[in-house]
Amino acid sequence: MCIFTCVEAKSPHAPEIRFPGTGAVRPAESAQVRGREVTALYEAHALSLTRLAYVMLGDRPAAEDVVQEAFLGLYKRWNQLHDTASAPGYLRASVVNGCRMVLRSRARHDDRIAGELPWESAEATALVGEVHRHLLLAIRALPPRQREALVLRYYLDLSEEETARSMGIRRGTVKSATSRALAALGQRMQEYS
């Protein structure tokens, strides 16, 4: 059963789309609606997703790029979403996957010391206290799965189930990864003090 039907519009180049129970919508209007919806999501979630990517990557420009790519992917695939309420989860998973790709790329192409923070401005260094810097270094030194589980669970305050969905793993795996990450993080922070 088709959920919409195309009918000939006044212009031969712009067919109208009829959704059940609604009037006709032209493709240009559909694109405007999609643009408004994605813009609203961007305004609501871009900052938290950028923070998530920054904690994962330690590089603000790369974090912003990952988030932009996630929103661009959502915009392109908006019409394929079965439920627009699932868009924030799609974005979160997309950002986590984008961070994984950047980290894999760095591992192949970058000879940077593991866990080393990239160059930061004097302002950024002044804003981030020494303990906070050590915590970020310790988080970045964790294995990728543990780091992802820890950041999603405690930084974004997601439930175990939401974390599992975002990472594409089972709930029990989230529990064990989080437990191991907290133990390793505690040990590392004791070394710094």
N, C-alpha and C. Protein backbone atom coordinates (compact mmCIF):
# COMPACT_ATOMS: atom_id res chain seq x y z
N MET A 1 0.84 -1.19 0.00
CA MET A 1 0.00 0.00 0.00
C MET A 1 0.88 1.24 0.00
N CYS A 2 0.64 2.12 -0.89
CA CYS A 2 1.42 3.36 -1.02
C CYS A 2 0.88 4.39 -0.03
N ILE A 3 1.79 5.05 0.69
CA ILE A 3 1.32 6.02 1.68
C ILE A 3 1.12 7.40 1.10
N PHE A 4 1.61 7.65 -0.09
CA PHE A 4 1.34 8.92 -0.73
C PHE A 4 1.17 8.69 -2.23
N THR A 5 0.53 9.63 -2.85
CA THR A 5 0.33 9.53 -4.29
C THR A 5 0.78 10.81 -4.94
N CYS A 6 1.31 10.70 -6.13
CA CYS A 6 1.74 11.87 -6.88
C CYS A 6 0.62 12.27 -7.83
N VAL A 7 0.34 13.54 -7.88
CA VAL A 7 -0.63 14.05 -8.83
C VAL A 7 0.03 15.18 -9.60
N GLU A 8 -0.44 15.42 -10.74
CA GLU A 8 0.15 16.45 -11.59
C GLU A 8 -0.12 17.83 -11.00
N ALA A 9 0.90 18.60 -10.82
CA ALA A 9 0.77 19.96 -10.31
C ALA A 9 0.54 20.91 -11.47
N LYS A 10 0.35 22.17 -11.12
CA LYS A 10 0.15 23.17 -12.17
C LYS A 10 1.38 23.28 -13.05
N SER A 11 2.56 23.13 -12.47
CA SER A 11 3.80 23.14 -13.24
C SER A 11 4.16 21.70 -13.59
N PRO A 12 4.49 21.41 -14.81
CA PRO A 12 4.81 20.04 -15.18
C PRO A 12 6.11 19.54 -14.54
N HIS A 13 6.94 20.44 -14.01
CA HIS A 13 8.22 20.04 -13.44
C HIS A 13 8.16 19.86 -11.92
N ALA A 14 7.04 20.15 -11.29
CA ALA A 14 6.95 20.05 -9.83
C ALA A 14 5.68 19.30 -9.44
N PRO A 15 5.74 17.96 -9.40
CA PRO A 15 4.55 17.22 -9.00
C PRO A 15 4.24 17.47 -7.52
N GLU A 16 2.98 17.35 -7.19
CA GLU A 16 2.58 17.48 -5.80
C GLU A 16 2.59 16.09 -5.17
N ILE A 17 2.81 16.04 -3.88
CA ILE A 17 2.76 14.80 -3.14
C ILE A 17 1.63 14.90 -2.14
N ARG A 18 0.74 13.91 -2.15
CA ARG A 18 -0.38 13.91 -1.21
C ARG A 18 -0.14 12.85 -0.15
N PHE A 19 -0.16 13.27 1.09
CA PHE A 19 -0.08 12.35 2.21
C PHE A 19 -1.50 12.13 2.72
N PRO A 20 -1.79 10.95 3.25
CA PRO A 20 -3.14 10.69 3.74
C PRO A 20 -3.57 11.73 4.77
N GLY A 21 -4.73 12.28 4.59
CA GLY A 21 -5.28 13.23 5.55
C GLY A 21 -4.71 14.62 5.46
N THR A 22 -3.88 14.89 4.44
CA THR A 22 -3.30 16.22 4.30
C THR A 22 -3.54 16.73 2.90
N GLY A 23 -3.21 17.96 2.70
CA GLY A 23 -3.28 18.53 1.36
C GLY A 23 -2.02 18.16 0.59
N ALA A 24 -1.92 18.66 -0.61
CA ALA A 24 -0.78 18.37 -1.45
C ALA A 24 0.45 19.14 -0.95
N VAL A 25 1.61 18.52 -1.07
CA VAL A 25 2.87 19.15 -0.67
C VAL A 25 3.82 19.07 -1.86
N ARG A 26 4.35 20.18 -2.27
CA ARG A 26 5.32 20.19 -3.37
C ARG A 26 6.69 19.78 -2.81
N PRO A 27 7.55 19.19 -3.64
CA PRO A 27 8.88 18.79 -3.18
C PRO A 27 9.67 19.94 -2.56
N ALA A 28 9.54 21.14 -3.10
CA ALA A 28 10.26 22.29 -2.52
C ALA A 28 9.77 22.56 -1.11
N GLU A 29 8.45 22.44 -0.90
CA GLU A 29 7.90 22.63 0.44
C GLU A 29 8.37 21.52 1.36
N SER A 30 8.45 20.30 0.85
CA SER A 30 8.93 19.16 1.63
C SER A 30 10.37 19.39 2.07
N ALA A 31 11.19 19.92 1.18
CA ALA A 31 12.58 20.22 1.51
C ALA A 31 12.65 21.32 2.58
N GLN A 32 11.74 22.29 2.51
CA GLN A 32 11.73 23.35 3.52
C GLN A 32 11.34 22.79 4.88
N VAL A 33 10.37 21.89 4.89
CA VAL A 33 9.96 21.26 6.15
C VAL A 33 11.12 20.47 6.72
N ARG A 34 11.78 19.68 5.87
CA ARG A 34 12.93 18.88 6.30
C ARG A 34 14.02 19.81 6.84
N GLY A 35 14.27 20.91 6.16
CA GLY A 35 15.28 21.86 6.60
C GLY A 35 14.94 22.45 7.96
N ARG A 36 13.67 22.80 8.16
CA ARG A 36 13.25 23.35 9.47
C ARG A 36 13.40 22.31 10.57
N GLU A 37 13.03 21.07 10.29
CA GLU A 37 13.13 20.01 11.30
C GLU A 37 14.59 19.75 11.68
N VAL A 38 15.46 19.65 10.70
CA VAL A 38 16.88 19.40 10.98
C VAL A 38 17.50 20.61 11.67
N THR A 39 17.11 21.82 11.29
CA THR A 39 17.60 23.02 11.95
C THR A 39 17.20 23.03 13.43
N ALA A 40 15.95 22.67 13.72
CA ALA A 40 15.49 22.60 15.11
C ALA A 40 16.30 21.57 15.90
N LEU A 41 16.56 20.42 15.29
CA LEU A 41 17.39 19.41 15.95
C LEU A 41 18.80 19.92 16.17
N TYR A 42 19.33 20.64 15.19
CA TYR A 42 20.68 21.19 15.32
C TYR A 42 20.75 22.16 16.50
N GLU A 43 19.77 23.04 16.58
CA GLU A 43 19.75 24.01 17.68
C GLU A 43 19.64 23.33 19.03
N ALA A 44 18.91 22.22 19.09
CA ALA A 44 18.70 21.52 20.35
C ALA A 44 19.86 20.61 20.75
N HIS A 45 20.56 20.03 19.77
CA HIS A 45 21.51 18.96 20.10
C HIS A 45 22.96 19.19 19.65
N ALA A 46 23.23 20.17 18.83
CA ALA A 46 24.58 20.33 18.28
C ALA A 46 25.63 20.53 19.37
N LEU A 47 25.35 21.33 20.36
CA LEU A 47 26.35 21.61 21.39
C LEU A 47 26.69 20.36 22.18
N SER A 48 25.68 19.61 22.62
CA SER A 48 25.97 18.40 23.39
C SER A 48 26.68 17.35 22.55
N LEU A 49 26.33 17.25 21.27
CA LEU A 49 27.01 16.29 20.39
C LEU A 49 28.45 16.72 20.12
N THR A 50 28.69 18.02 20.01
CA THR A 50 30.05 18.51 19.82
C THR A 50 30.88 18.23 21.07
N ARG A 51 30.29 18.41 22.23
CA ARG A 51 31.00 18.09 23.47
C ARG A 51 31.33 16.60 23.54
N LEU A 52 30.36 15.77 23.15
CA LEU A 52 30.59 14.32 23.12
C LEU A 52 31.77 14.01 22.21
N ALA A 53 31.76 14.55 21.00
CA ALA A 53 32.83 14.28 20.05
C ALA A 53 34.17 14.83 20.55
N TYR A 54 34.15 15.98 21.23
CA TYR A 54 35.38 16.55 21.75
C TYR A 54 35.98 15.65 22.83
N VAL A 55 35.13 15.13 23.71
CA VAL A 55 35.64 14.24 24.75
C VAL A 55 36.23 12.97 24.11
N MET A 56 35.59 12.50 23.06
CA MET A 56 36.07 11.29 22.39
C MET A 56 37.37 11.55 21.62
N LEU A 57 37.48 12.72 20.99
CA LEU A 57 38.59 12.98 20.08
C LEU A 57 39.68 13.88 20.65
N GLY A 58 39.30 14.80 21.52
CA GLY A 58 40.27 15.74 22.07
C GLY A 58 40.69 16.80 21.08
N ASP A 59 39.92 17.01 20.06
CA ASP A 59 40.27 17.94 18.99
C ASP A 59 38.98 18.65 18.56
N ARG A 60 38.87 19.92 18.90
CA ARG A 60 37.62 20.64 18.65
C ARG A 60 37.25 20.73 17.17
N PRO A 61 38.18 21.11 16.30
CA PRO A 61 37.79 21.17 14.88
C PRO A 61 37.33 19.82 14.34
N ALA A 62 37.99 18.74 14.73
CA ALA A 62 37.58 17.41 14.28
C ALA A 62 36.22 17.06 14.87
N ALA A 63 35.97 17.44 16.12
CA ALA A 63 34.68 17.18 16.76
C ALA A 63 33.56 17.91 16.02
N GLU A 64 33.82 19.17 15.67
CA GLU A 64 32.81 19.94 14.94
C GLU A 64 32.55 19.34 13.56
N ASP A 65 33.60 18.85 12.91
CA ASP A 65 33.44 18.21 11.60
C ASP A 65 32.58 16.96 11.70
N VAL A 66 32.83 16.15 12.71
CA VAL A 66 32.06 14.92 12.89
C VAL A 66 30.58 15.24 13.10
N VAL A 67 30.30 16.24 13.91
CA VAL A 67 28.91 16.62 14.18
C VAL A 67 28.25 17.16 12.91
N GLN A 68 28.96 17.98 12.16
CA GLN A 68 28.41 18.51 10.91
C GLN A 68 28.08 17.38 9.94
N GLU A 69 28.97 16.40 9.85
CA GLU A 69 28.73 15.25 8.96
C GLU A 69 27.51 14.46 9.41
N ALA A 70 27.32 14.34 10.72
CA ALA A 70 26.15 13.63 11.24
C ALA A 70 24.86 14.35 10.85
N PHE A 71 24.84 15.66 10.99
CA PHE A 71 23.64 16.42 10.62
C PHE A 71 23.41 16.41 9.11
N LEU A 72 24.48 16.46 8.35
CA LEU A 72 24.33 16.38 6.90
C LEU A 72 23.76 15.02 6.49
N GLY A 73 24.26 13.96 7.11
CA GLY A 73 23.73 12.63 6.83
C GLY A 73 22.26 12.52 7.20
N LEU A 74 21.87 13.12 8.32
CA LEU A 74 20.46 13.11 8.72
C LEU A 74 19.61 13.87 7.72
N TYR A 75 20.10 15.02 7.29
CA TYR A 75 19.35 15.81 6.31
C TYR A 75 19.13 15.03 5.02
N LYS A 76 20.18 14.37 4.55
CA LYS A 76 20.08 13.60 3.31
C LYS A 76 19.13 12.43 3.43
N ARG A 77 19.07 11.83 4.62
CA ARG A 77 18.26 10.63 4.82
C ARG A 77 16.95 10.89 5.58
N TRP A 78 16.59 12.14 5.73
CA TRP A 78 15.41 12.51 6.51
C TRP A 78 14.16 11.75 6.06
N ASN A 79 13.95 11.66 4.77
CA ASN A 79 12.75 11.00 4.26
C ASN A 79 12.77 9.49 4.48
N GLN A 80 13.90 8.93 4.83
CA GLN A 80 13.99 7.50 5.08
C GLN A 80 13.75 7.14 6.55
N LEU A 81 13.67 8.15 7.42
CA LEU A 81 13.41 7.89 8.84
C LEU A 81 11.99 7.36 9.02
N HIS A 82 11.87 6.28 9.76
CA HIS A 82 10.54 5.74 10.03
C HIS A 82 9.84 6.55 11.11
N ASP A 83 10.62 7.07 12.05
CA ASP A 83 10.06 7.83 13.16
C ASP A 83 11.00 9.00 13.44
N THR A 84 10.52 10.21 13.23
CA THR A 84 11.38 11.38 13.42
C THR A 84 11.78 11.57 14.88
N ALA A 85 11.07 10.95 15.80
CA ALA A 85 11.44 11.03 17.21
C ALA A 85 12.75 10.28 17.47
N SER A 86 13.13 9.39 16.56
CA SER A 86 14.38 8.64 16.73
C SER A 86 15.59 9.40 16.18
N ALA A 87 15.39 10.58 15.64
CA ALA A 87 16.47 11.35 15.04
C ALA A 87 17.61 11.67 16.03
N PRO A 88 17.34 12.06 17.29
CA PRO A 88 18.47 12.30 18.21
C PRO A 88 19.32 11.06 18.44
N GLY A 89 18.70 9.90 18.53
CA GLY A 89 19.47 8.66 18.67
C GLY A 89 20.30 8.36 17.43
N TYR A 90 19.71 8.62 16.26
CA TYR A 90 20.44 8.46 15.00
C TYR A 90 21.67 9.38 14.99
N LEU A 91 21.48 10.62 15.39
CA LEU A 91 22.59 11.57 15.42
C LEU A 91 23.68 11.14 16.39
N ARG A 92 23.28 10.69 17.57
CA ARG A 92 24.25 10.26 18.58
C ARG A 92 25.07 9.09 18.06
N ALA A 93 24.38 8.09 17.48
CA ALA A 93 25.09 6.93 16.93
C ALA A 93 26.00 7.36 15.77
N SER A 94 25.53 8.29 14.97
CA SER A 94 26.33 8.78 13.85
C SER A 94 27.59 9.50 14.34
N VAL A 95 27.47 10.28 15.40
CA VAL A 95 28.62 10.97 15.96
C VAL A 95 29.62 9.96 16.54
N VAL A 96 29.13 8.97 17.27
CA VAL A 96 30.02 7.95 17.83
C VAL A 96 30.75 7.22 16.70
N ASN A 97 30.03 6.85 15.65
CA ASN A 97 30.66 6.17 14.52
C ASN A 97 31.66 7.09 13.81
N GLY A 98 31.32 8.37 13.68
CA GLY A 98 32.24 9.32 13.08
C GLY A 98 33.52 9.46 13.90
N CYS A 99 33.38 9.47 15.21
CA CYS A 99 34.56 9.53 16.09
C CYS A 99 35.42 8.29 15.91
N ARG A 100 34.78 7.13 15.79
CA ARG A 100 35.53 5.89 15.56
C ARG A 100 36.34 5.99 14.27
N MET A 101 35.72 6.52 13.22
CA MET A 101 36.42 6.64 11.95
C MET A 101 37.62 7.58 12.07
N VAL A 102 37.45 8.71 12.75
CA VAL A 102 38.54 9.66 12.92
C VAL A 102 39.67 9.02 13.72
N LEU A 103 39.33 8.30 14.79
CA LEU A 103 40.35 7.67 15.62
C LEU A 103 41.11 6.58 14.84
N ARG A 104 40.39 5.81 14.02
CA ARG A 104 41.06 4.80 13.19
C ARG A 104 41.99 5.48 12.19
N SER A 105 41.52 6.55 11.61
CA SER A 105 42.34 7.29 10.64
C SER A 105 43.59 7.84 11.30
N ARG A 106 43.43 8.36 12.50
CA ARG A 106 44.59 8.89 13.23
C ARG A 106 45.59 7.78 13.54
N ALA A 107 45.07 6.63 13.92
CA ALA A 107 45.96 5.51 14.25
C ALA A 107 46.79 5.09 13.04
N ARG A 108 46.21 5.20 11.85
CA ARG A 108 46.93 4.82 10.63
C ARG A 108 47.87 5.91 10.15
N HIS A 109 47.49 7.17 10.27
CA HIS A 109 48.22 8.25 9.63
C HIS A 109 48.96 9.19 10.57
N ASP A 110 48.78 9.03 11.84
CA ASP A 110 49.33 10.02 12.76
C ASP A 110 50.33 9.34 13.69
N ASP A 111 51.45 9.97 13.88
CA ASP A 111 52.45 9.42 14.79
C ASP A 111 52.40 10.12 16.15
N ARG A 112 51.27 10.76 16.44
CA ARG A 112 51.08 11.44 17.71
C ARG A 112 51.13 10.41 18.84
N ILE A 113 51.72 10.76 19.95
CA ILE A 113 51.78 9.86 21.11
C ILE A 113 50.36 9.58 21.58
N ALA A 114 50.07 8.31 21.90
CA ALA A 114 48.73 7.92 22.32
C ALA A 114 48.27 8.74 23.51
N GLY A 115 47.09 9.31 23.41
CA GLY A 115 46.51 10.08 24.50
C GLY A 115 46.99 11.52 24.57
N GLU A 116 47.95 11.89 23.77
CA GLU A 116 48.46 13.26 23.81
C GLU A 116 47.39 14.22 23.28
N LEU A 117 47.20 15.31 23.99
CA LEU A 117 46.24 16.30 23.55
C LEU A 117 46.81 17.09 22.39
N PRO A 118 46.01 17.42 21.40
CA PRO A 118 46.51 18.26 20.31
C PRO A 118 46.77 19.67 20.83
N TRP A 119 47.41 20.48 20.02
CA TRP A 119 47.70 21.85 20.40
C TRP A 119 46.41 22.56 20.75
N GLU A 120 46.44 23.29 21.86
CA GLU A 120 45.29 24.07 22.27
C GLU A 120 45.73 25.51 22.47
N SER A 121 44.79 26.41 22.32
CA SER A 121 45.09 27.82 22.50
C SER A 121 45.37 28.12 23.97
N ALA A 122 45.97 29.26 24.22
CA ALA A 122 46.27 29.67 25.59
C ALA A 122 44.98 29.84 26.39
N GLU A 123 43.93 30.32 25.72
CA GLU A 123 42.64 30.50 26.40
C GLU A 123 42.07 29.15 26.83
N ALA A 124 42.15 28.17 25.94
CA ALA A 124 41.61 26.84 26.26
C ALA A 124 42.39 26.21 27.40
N THR A 125 43.70 26.38 27.38
CA THR A 125 44.54 25.82 28.43
C THR A 125 44.21 26.48 29.77
N ALA A 126 44.01 27.79 29.77
CA ALA A 126 43.69 28.50 31.00
C ALA A 126 42.33 28.09 31.55
N LEU A 127 41.39 27.81 30.66
CA LEU A 127 40.04 27.43 31.10
C LEU A 127 39.97 26.03 31.67
N VAL A 128 40.84 25.17 31.19
CA VAL A 128 40.80 23.78 31.64
C VAL A 128 41.84 23.61 32.74
N GLY A 129 41.38 23.27 33.93
CA GLY A 129 42.27 23.07 35.06
C GLY A 129 43.13 21.83 34.88
N GLU A 130 44.17 21.74 35.70
CA GLU A 130 45.10 20.62 35.59
C GLU A 130 44.42 19.27 35.85
N VAL A 131 43.54 19.22 36.82
CA VAL A 131 42.84 17.96 37.11
C VAL A 131 41.95 17.57 35.93
N HIS A 132 41.28 18.55 35.36
CA HIS A 132 40.42 18.29 34.21
C HIS A 132 41.25 17.77 33.04
N ARG A 133 42.43 18.35 32.82
CA ARG A 133 43.31 17.89 31.75
C ARG A 133 43.74 16.45 31.99
N HIS A 134 44.08 16.13 33.24
CA HIS A 134 44.48 14.75 33.55
C HIS A 134 43.31 13.79 33.34
N LEU A 135 42.12 14.22 33.70
CA LEU A 135 40.94 13.38 33.49
C LEU A 135 40.70 13.13 32.01
N LEU A 136 40.81 14.17 31.20
CA LEU A 136 40.64 14.00 29.75
C LEU A 136 41.71 13.08 29.16
N LEU A 137 42.93 13.25 29.62
CA LEU A 137 44.01 12.37 29.15
C LEU A 137 43.73 10.92 29.54
N ALA A 138 43.26 10.72 30.77
CA ALA A 138 42.97 9.36 31.24
C ALA A 138 41.81 8.75 30.44
N ILE A 139 40.79 9.55 30.14
CA ILE A 139 39.66 9.04 29.35
C ILE A 139 40.14 8.68 27.94
N ARG A 140 40.96 9.52 27.36
CA ARG A 140 41.43 9.26 25.99
C ARG A 140 42.39 8.08 25.93
N ALA A 141 43.00 7.71 27.05
CA ALA A 141 43.91 6.57 27.07
C ALA A 141 43.15 5.24 27.19
N LEU A 142 41.86 5.30 27.50
CA LEU A 142 41.06 4.07 27.60
C LEU A 142 40.90 3.43 26.23
N PRO A 143 40.70 2.12 26.21
CA PRO A 143 40.37 1.47 24.93
C PRO A 143 39.08 2.07 24.37
N PRO A 144 38.92 2.09 23.06
CA PRO A 144 37.78 2.78 22.44
C PRO A 144 36.41 2.37 22.98
N ARG A 145 36.14 1.09 23.13
CA ARG A 145 34.82 0.67 23.60
C ARG A 145 34.56 1.15 25.02
N GLN A 146 35.57 1.06 25.88
CA GLN A 146 35.41 1.53 27.26
C GLN A 146 35.18 3.04 27.28
N ARG A 147 35.94 3.75 26.47
CA ARG A 147 35.80 5.21 26.41
C ARG A 147 34.39 5.59 25.94
N GLU A 148 33.91 4.95 24.89
CA GLU A 148 32.58 5.23 24.38
C GLU A 148 31.51 4.95 25.43
N ALA A 149 31.60 3.79 26.08
CA ALA A 149 30.60 3.43 27.09
C ALA A 149 30.60 4.43 28.24
N LEU A 150 31.78 4.79 28.69
CA LEU A 150 31.90 5.74 29.81
C LEU A 150 31.33 7.10 29.44
N VAL A 151 31.69 7.61 28.28
CA VAL A 151 31.23 8.94 27.87
C VAL A 151 29.71 8.95 27.65
N LEU A 152 29.19 7.93 26.98
CA LEU A 152 27.75 7.89 26.74
C LEU A 152 26.96 7.73 28.05
N ARG A 153 27.44 6.87 28.93
CA ARG A 153 26.72 6.62 30.18
C ARG A 153 26.77 7.81 31.14
N TYR A 154 27.97 8.36 31.35
CA TYR A 154 28.11 9.34 32.41
C TYR A 154 28.23 10.78 31.92
N TYR A 155 28.75 10.99 30.74
CA TYR A 155 28.84 12.36 30.24
C TYR A 155 27.51 12.77 29.62
N LEU A 156 26.92 11.90 28.82
CA LEU A 156 25.61 12.21 28.22
C LEU A 156 24.46 11.73 29.10
N ASP A 157 24.76 10.99 30.16
CA ASP A 157 23.76 10.52 31.11
C ASP A 157 22.69 9.65 30.44
N LEU A 158 23.14 8.77 29.54
CA LEU A 158 22.21 7.84 28.89
C LEU A 158 22.03 6.61 29.75
N SER A 159 20.90 5.95 29.61
CA SER A 159 20.68 4.70 30.31
C SER A 159 21.55 3.62 29.68
N GLU A 160 21.65 2.48 30.34
CA GLU A 160 22.42 1.37 29.77
C GLU A 160 21.82 0.93 28.44
N GLU A 161 20.50 0.91 28.36
CA GLU A 161 19.83 0.49 27.13
C GLU A 161 20.11 1.47 25.98
N GLU A 162 20.03 2.78 26.26
CA GLU A 162 20.31 3.79 25.24
C GLU A 162 21.77 3.74 24.79
N THR A 163 22.66 3.52 25.76
CA THR A 163 24.08 3.40 25.44
C THR A 163 24.32 2.19 24.54
N ALA A 164 23.68 1.08 24.88
CA ALA A 164 23.83 -0.14 24.08
C ALA A 164 23.35 0.09 22.65
N ARG A 165 22.20 0.75 22.50
CA ARG A 165 21.69 1.04 21.15
C ARG A 165 22.63 1.96 20.38
N SER A 166 23.15 2.99 21.05
CA SER A 166 24.05 3.93 20.38
C SER A 166 25.35 3.26 19.93
N MET A 167 25.83 2.30 20.73
CA MET A 167 27.09 1.63 20.41
C MET A 167 26.89 0.39 19.54
N GLY A 168 25.65 -0.08 19.45
CA GLY A 168 25.39 -1.30 18.69
C GLY A 168 25.88 -2.55 19.38
N ILE A 169 25.79 -2.56 20.72
CA ILE A 169 26.21 -3.72 21.50
C ILE A 169 25.11 -4.07 22.50
N ARG A 170 25.32 -5.13 23.25
CA ARG A 170 24.32 -5.56 24.24
C ARG A 170 24.49 -4.80 25.55
N ARG A 171 23.41 -4.81 26.33
CA ARG A 171 23.40 -4.09 27.60
C ARG A 171 24.47 -4.62 28.56
N GLY A 172 24.65 -5.94 28.62
CA GLY A 172 25.67 -6.53 29.48
C GLY A 172 27.08 -6.09 29.11
N THR A 173 27.32 -5.91 27.82
CA THR A 173 28.62 -5.44 27.36
C THR A 173 28.85 -4.00 27.80
N VAL A 174 27.79 -3.21 27.81
CA VAL A 174 27.89 -1.83 28.31
C VAL A 174 28.29 -1.84 29.77
N LYS A 175 27.64 -2.72 30.56
CA LYS A 175 27.93 -2.80 31.99
C LYS A 175 29.40 -3.16 32.24
N SER A 176 29.89 -4.19 31.54
CA SER A 176 31.27 -4.62 31.77
C SER A 176 32.26 -3.59 31.27
N ALA A 177 31.99 -2.98 30.12
CA ALA A 177 32.90 -1.97 29.59
C ALA A 177 32.95 -0.76 30.52
N THR A 178 31.80 -0.36 31.04
CA THR A 178 31.75 0.78 31.96
C THR A 178 32.49 0.47 33.25
N SER A 179 32.29 -0.72 33.78
CA SER A 179 32.96 -1.12 35.02
C SER A 179 34.48 -1.12 34.85
N ARG A 180 34.95 -1.71 33.75
CA ARG A 180 36.39 -1.74 33.49
C ARG A 180 36.95 -0.32 33.28
N ALA A 181 36.17 0.52 32.60
CA ALA A 181 36.62 1.89 32.34
C ALA A 181 36.75 2.67 33.63
N LEU A 182 35.78 2.52 34.52
CA LEU A 182 35.84 3.24 35.80
C LEU A 182 37.02 2.78 36.64
N ALA A 183 37.29 1.47 36.64
CA ALA A 183 38.43 0.94 37.38
C ALA A 183 39.75 1.49 36.82
N ALA A 184 39.88 1.46 35.51
CA ALA A 184 41.10 1.97 34.87
C ALA A 184 41.24 3.47 35.08
N LEU A 185 40.14 4.19 35.01
CA LEU A 185 40.16 5.63 35.21
C LEU A 185 40.58 5.97 36.63
N GLY A 186 40.04 5.25 37.61
CA GLY A 186 40.41 5.48 39.00
C GLY A 186 41.89 5.23 39.25
N GLN A 187 42.40 4.16 38.66
CA GLN A 187 43.82 3.84 38.81
C GLN A 187 44.69 4.92 38.16
N ARG A 188 44.31 5.36 37.00
CA ARG A 188 45.08 6.38 36.29
C ARG A 188 45.07 7.71 37.03
N MET A 189 43.94 8.09 37.58
CA MET A 189 43.84 9.35 38.30
C MET A 189 44.68 9.30 39.57
N GLN A 190 44.81 8.12 40.21
CA GLN A 190 45.66 8.00 41.38
C GLN A 190 47.12 8.20 40.99
N GLU A 191 47.49 7.75 39.80
CA GLU A 191 48.86 7.94 39.31
C GLU A 191 49.18 9.42 39.14
N TYR A 192 48.19 10.20 38.69
CA TYR A 192 48.40 11.62 38.47
C TYR A 192 48.50 12.41 39.76
N SER A 193 47.89 11.90 40.83
CA SER A 193 47.89 12.67 42.08
C SER A 193 49.06 12.36 42.97
